[in-house]
Amino acid sequence: MNLPSNNVAQDAEQLGWLAAKFRGTRDEAERRKIAKDYSETVSRLIASGSWEEAPSFEDQLPDAWMPKAFFDYWLRPQTGP
């Protein structure tokens, strides 16, 4: 079941907000919580089947903190013409 497009847009916007919040703290426990929220948001976007644009670099966490599912999704081989 696909989420309505407004939920996809809201979740995509949420990634940017979480990335900014992550950059604004040095507290490891807070960073882990933010990274968990980010991962859950990525999972929702993937499950929607409607995630068509990768977030800009400033809307991403540092690579070491990014969820594996993000890279699996965006680096997968593309099908089609």
Protein backbone atom coordinates (compact mmCIF):
# COMPACT_ATOMS: atom_id res chain seq x y z
CA MET A 1 0.00 0.00 0.00
CA ASN A 2 1.45 3.37 -1.03
CA LEU A 3 1.32 6.33 1.30
CA PRO A 4 -0.36 9.48 0.01
CA SER A 5 2.15 11.77 -1.68
CA ASN A 6 1.79 14.44 1.00
CA ASN A 7 3.11 11.92 3.55
CA VAL A 8 6.10 11.25 1.29
CA ALA A 9 6.76 14.98 1.05
CA GLN A 10 6.44 15.37 4.81
CA ASP A 11 8.78 12.45 5.46
CA ALA A 12 11.31 13.81 2.94
CA GLU A 13 11.18 17.18 4.71
CA GLN A 14 11.58 15.39 8.04
CA LEU A 15 14.94 14.00 6.85
CA GLY A 16 16.28 17.54 6.47
CA TRP A 17 15.00 18.56 9.87
CA LEU A 18 16.57 15.48 11.50
CA ALA A 19 19.90 16.05 9.71
CA ALA A 20 20.01 19.65 10.95
CA LYS A 21 19.15 18.54 14.47
CA PHE A 22 21.91 15.89 14.27
CA ARG A 23 24.48 18.51 13.22
CA GLY A 24 23.37 20.74 16.07
CA THR A 25 24.31 18.33 18.84
CA ARG A 26 27.44 16.52 19.94
CA ASP A 27 25.62 14.39 22.53
CA GLU A 28 26.07 10.73 21.45
CA ALA A 29 22.81 9.55 23.02
CA GLU A 30 20.87 12.30 21.23
CA ARG A 31 22.65 11.50 17.96
CA ARG A 32 21.70 7.82 18.29
CA LYS A 33 18.06 8.78 18.86
CA ILE A 34 18.08 11.11 15.85
CA ALA A 35 19.75 8.44 13.70
CA LYS A 36 17.04 5.96 14.76
CA ASP A 37 14.30 8.45 13.83
CA TYR A 38 16.07 9.09 10.52
CA SER A 39 16.25 5.35 9.81
CA GLU A 40 12.54 4.92 10.57
CA THR A 41 11.71 7.80 8.23
CA VAL A 42 13.85 6.28 5.46
CA SER A 43 12.03 2.96 5.95
CA ARG A 44 8.65 4.69 5.57
CA LEU A 45 9.80 6.45 2.42
CA ILE A 46 11.06 3.22 0.89
CA ALA A 47 7.88 1.36 1.85
CA SER A 48 5.77 4.07 0.22
CA GLY A 49 7.02 3.09 -3.22
CA SER A 50 6.84 6.80 -4.12
CA TRP A 51 10.25 8.07 -3.00
CA GLU A 52 11.61 9.48 -6.23
CA GLU A 53 14.33 11.93 -5.21
CA ALA A 54 17.30 11.33 -2.93
CA PRO A 55 17.78 13.97 -0.25
CA SER A 56 20.47 16.58 -0.80
CA PHE A 57 23.75 16.10 1.05
CA GLU A 58 22.78 18.64 3.69
CA ASP A 59 19.64 16.59 4.35
CA GLN A 60 21.68 13.45 5.00
CA LEU A 61 23.53 12.28 8.08
CA PRO A 62 27.25 11.55 7.88
CA ASP A 63 27.79 8.26 5.99
CA ALA A 64 28.71 6.34 9.14
CA TRP A 65 25.31 7.26 10.63
CA MET A 66 23.17 6.71 7.53
CA PRO A 67 20.93 3.63 7.56
CA LYS A 68 22.08 0.79 5.30
CA ALA A 69 18.62 0.71 3.72
CA PHE A 70 19.23 4.21 2.32
CA PHE A 71 22.29 3.07 0.36
CA ASP A 72 20.64 -0.19 -0.66
CA TYR A 73 17.71 1.77 -2.07
CA TRP A 74 19.55 4.59 -3.84
CA LEU A 75 22.52 2.56 -5.09
CA ARG A 76 20.50 -0.35 -6.46
CA PRO A 77 20.71 -1.03 -10.18
CA GLN A 78 18.05 0.90 -12.07
CA THR A 79 15.67 -0.95 -14.35
CA GLY A 80 14.04 0.36 -17.47
CA PRO A 81 15.11 2.02 -20.70
